[in-house]
Protein backbone atom coordinates (compact mmCIF):
# COMPACT_ATOMS: atom_id res chain seq x y z
CA MET A 1 0.00 -0.19 0.11
CA THR A 2 2.79 2.46 1.02
CA ARG A 3 4.65 1.53 -2.07
CA GLN A 4 1.59 2.05 -4.28
CA LEU A 5 0.86 5.53 -2.54
CA GLY A 6 4.48 6.63 -3.05
CA GLU A 7 4.26 5.96 -6.79
CA HIS A 8 0.84 7.38 -7.37
CA ALA A 9 2.25 10.85 -5.63
CA GLY A 10 5.63 10.42 -7.34
CA HIS A 11 7.20 10.50 -4.16
CA GLY A 12 10.44 8.52 -4.64
CA GLU A 13 11.61 8.53 -1.03
CA LEU A 14 8.35 7.18 0.17
CA VAL A 15 8.64 4.36 -2.39
CA ALA A 16 12.40 3.92 -1.04
CA TRP A 17 11.14 3.42 2.58
CA SER A 18 8.64 0.78 1.75
CA PHE A 19 11.40 -1.14 0.06
CA GLU A 20 13.60 -0.50 3.22
CA ILE A 21 10.79 -1.91 5.71
CA ALA A 22 10.57 -4.96 3.37
CA ALA A 23 14.17 -5.46 3.45
CA TRP A 24 14.18 -5.27 7.27
CA TYR A 25 11.59 -8.10 7.42
CA ALA A 26 13.50 -10.21 5.02
CA LEU A 27 16.84 -9.70 7.49
CA VAL A 28 15.09 -10.71 10.74
CA GLU A 29 13.60 -13.75 8.81
CA GLY A 30 17.04 -14.88 7.47
CA ARG A 31 16.32 -14.38 3.91
CA PHE A 32 19.63 -12.40 3.43
CA PRO A 33 20.11 -12.60 -0.56
CA HIS A 34 16.60 -11.12 -0.63
CA VAL A 35 17.58 -8.08 1.51
CA VAL A 36 20.27 -7.25 -0.97
CA GLU A 37 17.81 -7.27 -3.93
CA LEU A 38 15.45 -5.16 -1.96
CA ARG A 39 18.07 -2.65 -1.07
CA GLU A 40 19.01 -2.29 -4.96
CA ALA A 41 15.38 -1.81 -5.71
CA GLY A 42 14.90 0.88 -3.25
CA LEU A 43 17.95 2.63 -4.18
CA GLY A 44 16.59 3.42 -7.55
CA HIS A 45 13.99 5.63 -5.81
CA ALA A 46 15.69 7.01 -2.82
CA GLY A 47 17.64 10.04 -3.99
CA ALA A 48 20.14 11.35 -1.64
CA GLY A 49 18.35 11.47 1.82
CA ASN A 50 18.00 9.49 4.95
CA ALA A 51 16.24 6.57 3.13
CA THR A 52 19.40 6.06 1.07
CA VAL A 53 21.59 5.84 4.11
CA GLN A 54 19.32 3.50 5.69
CA LEU A 55 18.95 1.11 2.47
CA THR A 56 22.77 1.53 1.96
CA LEU A 57 23.45 0.13 5.55
CA GLN A 58 20.60 -2.47 5.61
CA ALA A 59 22.67 -4.68 3.25
CA SER A 60 25.46 -4.66 5.74
CA PRO A 61 24.17 -7.39 8.18
CA ALA A 62 22.76 -9.52 5.38
CA TYR A 63 26.31 -9.43 3.82
CA ALA A 64 27.73 -10.07 7.11
CA ARG A 65 25.51 -13.38 8.02
CA MET A 66 26.58 -14.50 4.57
CA GLY A 67 30.25 -13.85 5.37
CA ASP A 68 30.79 -11.44 2.49
CA LYS A 69 33.37 -8.84 2.62
CA ARG A 70 30.89 -6.34 1.18
CA ALA A 71 29.50 -6.00 4.53
CA THR A 72 32.24 -3.54 5.35
CA GLU A 73 32.19 -1.88 1.97
CA THR A 74 28.35 -1.03 2.27
CA LEU A 75 29.25 0.46 5.89
CA ALA A 76 31.76 2.73 4.24
CA ALA A 77 29.44 3.70 1.57
CA GLY A 78 26.88 4.47 4.06
CA LYS A 79 28.94 6.66 6.00
CA ALA A 80 29.95 8.55 3.05
CA ILE A 81 26.14 9.37 2.45
CA LEU A 82 25.49 10.21 5.76
CA GLU A 83 28.35 12.76 5.96
CA ARG A 84 27.06 14.65 3.05
CA LEU A 85 23.47 14.99 4.81
CA PRO A 86 22.84 17.91 6.94
CA VAL A 87 22.29 17.48 10.79
CA PRO A 88 18.67 16.67 11.43
CA ASP A 89 16.50 18.77 13.61
CA HIS A 90 14.62 15.87 14.81
CA PRO A 91 16.97 12.77 14.91
CA GLU A 92 14.46 10.97 16.94
CA HIS A 93 12.28 10.81 14.20
CA HIS A 94 11.77 7.04 12.93
CA PHE A 95 12.44 8.29 9.17
CA VAL A 96 15.57 10.23 9.97
CA PHE A 97 18.69 8.19 10.20
CA ASP A 98 20.23 8.46 13.80
CA ARG A 99 23.93 9.33 13.44
CA TYR A 100 24.90 7.53 16.51
CA LYS A 101 23.16 4.50 15.04
CA TYR A 102 26.09 4.24 12.35
CA GLU A 103 28.45 3.35 15.48
CA PHE A 104 25.97 0.72 16.50
CA CYS A 105 25.82 -0.58 13.12
CA THR A 106 29.61 -0.85 12.79
CA ALA A 107 30.10 -2.49 16.07
CA THR A 108 27.54 -5.14 15.16
CA ILE A 109 28.68 -5.96 11.90
CA TYR A 110 32.42 -6.35 12.72
CA THR A 111 31.04 -8.35 15.78
CA TRP A 112 29.33 -10.83 13.42
CA LEU A 113 32.23 -10.86 10.76
CA GLY A 114 34.99 -11.68 13.71
CA THR A 115 37.44 -10.10 11.26
CA ASP A 116 38.29 -6.95 13.49
CA ASP A 117 37.80 -7.42 17.19
CA ARG A 118 39.50 -4.10 17.79
CA ALA A 119 37.49 -2.33 15.65
CA ALA A 120 34.31 -4.08 16.94
CA GLU A 121 35.18 -3.38 20.76
CA GLU A 122 36.24 0.45 19.86
CA ASN A 123 32.82 1.24 18.26
CA ALA A 124 30.90 -0.99 20.95
CA ARG A 125 32.52 0.78 23.87
CA GLU A 126 31.59 4.25 22.05
CA VAL A 127 27.81 2.99 21.83
CA VAL A 128 27.79 2.00 25.36
CA ALA A 129 29.01 5.49 26.30
CA ARG A 130 26.53 7.32 24.27
CA CYS A 131 23.71 4.93 25.49
CA LEU A 132 24.25 6.09 29.11
CA GLY A 133 23.03 9.60 29.73
CA SER A 134 23.20 12.07 32.70
CA GLY A 135 21.99 10.81 36.10
CA GLY A 136 22.30 7.10 34.92
CA VAL A 137 19.50 7.37 32.41
CA ILE A 138 19.59 4.75 29.59
CA ARG A 139 18.87 6.50 26.28
CA TRP A 140 18.56 3.42 24.10
CA PRO A 141 17.89 0.41 26.18
CA THR A 142 17.64 -2.32 23.42
CA ARG A 143 20.85 -0.67 21.59
CA LEU A 144 22.77 -0.77 24.80
CA SER A 145 21.81 -4.33 25.75
CA THR A 146 22.56 -5.55 21.99
CA THR A 147 25.87 -3.88 22.41
CA LEU A 148 26.65 -5.36 25.76
CA VAL A 149 26.01 -8.73 24.07
CA ASN A 150 28.49 -7.82 21.31
CA LEU A 151 31.08 -7.04 23.87
CA GLY A 152 30.58 -10.51 25.45
CA GLN A 153 30.98 -12.24 22.32
CA ILE A 154 33.94 -10.13 21.27
CA ALA A 155 35.48 -11.00 24.74
CA LEU A 156 34.88 -14.78 24.21
CA SER A 157 36.50 -14.48 20.96
CA THR A 158 39.50 -12.49 21.97
CA TRP A 159 40.16 -13.70 25.43
CA ALA A 160 39.11 -17.47 25.10
CA ARG A 161 41.35 -18.24 28.28
CA SER A 162 39.55 -15.33 30.31
CA PRO A 163 36.02 -16.21 30.57
CA GLY A 164 35.36 -13.83 33.15
CA ALA A 165 35.31 -10.84 30.74
CA ALA A 166 32.83 -11.99 28.75
CA GLY A 167 30.69 -13.01 31.93
CA THR A 168 30.98 -9.31 33.09
CA TRP A 169 29.38 -8.10 29.75
CA THR A 170 26.72 -10.65 29.55
CA ARG A 171 25.62 -9.83 33.30
CA ARG A 172 25.52 -6.17 32.50
CA SER A 173 23.38 -6.98 29.10
CA ALA A 174 21.01 -8.84 31.25
CA ARG A 175 20.29 -5.96 33.63
CA ALA A 176 19.84 -3.40 30.66
CA HIS A 177 17.84 -5.77 28.45
CA ARG A 178 14.32 -5.36 27.80
CA PRO A 179 11.95 -8.26 26.95
CA CYS A 180 12.02 -8.60 23.07
CA ASN A 181 8.41 -8.75 22.45
CA ALA A 182 6.67 -8.33 19.16
CA GLY A 183 5.53 -4.62 18.92
CA ALA A 184 8.19 -3.34 21.19
CA ALA A 185 9.45 0.10 20.43
CA GLN A 186 12.58 -0.39 18.25
CA PRO A 187 13.54 -3.80 19.24
CA ASN A 188 17.00 -4.84 18.21
CA CYS A 189 17.96 -7.71 20.63
CA CYS A 190 17.34 -10.71 18.34
CA LEU A 191 19.66 -9.75 15.39
CA ALA A 192 22.56 -9.80 18.07
CA ARG A 193 21.23 -13.09 19.38
CA PRO A 194 20.44 -15.29 16.30
CA ASN A 195 19.04 -18.83 16.81
CA SER A 196 20.27 -21.75 14.55
CA ASN A 197 18.91 -20.16 11.35
CA ASN A 198 20.37 -16.85 12.02
CA ALA A 199 16.86 -15.37 12.12
CA CYS A 200 14.52 -14.04 15.29
CA PRO A 201 12.63 -16.79 17.11
CA PRO A 202 8.78 -16.45 16.21
CA GLY A 203 6.97 -13.84 18.00
CA THR A 204 9.98 -11.50 18.15
CA ALA A 205 11.41 -8.77 16.11
CA ALA A 206 14.83 -7.39 15.56
CA SER A 207 16.79 -4.08 15.09
CA ARG A 208 15.53 -0.93 13.47
């Protein structure tokens, strides 16, 4: 429906976001090649706005799950587009790409690829710092919990003989984590904790 409305109105960015949403569902359902196809289709309508950034980066986790080095190439491409956009007045808007989200994406992609633990950890720690606001307020609870899980995974990979480090991050994640229920606001925990088929379990959702 959204795509049809966008096409009827000649609104390319609206059409592009419809492809992005479809790509997100394909990602959480483990249909990784389809994510890339939808991304390419959406970019044909997106122009040079927030939808272009989101669509470009949407392919990164799909490539990472397939073990494809293009995961890092799309991260770089997304960053280049993002840097050309003006700073948004309302970054909290769902259809505006949150600049801090780029660090979160980078940390997650490098964690999943397992090719650069240093880069993964540096970005993950930056995400944790940004998630913690003044007075101990957590700005993005699910983003924080996902990142703490990522740090636990990095610790397991890097310090296999020191399980205490991984355990510390896992316990912190459990304290920060919200239940991953269908319909929850911006749930992103499941993508960082894939089940055997790398998709979210039934009844849950994944990162936006």
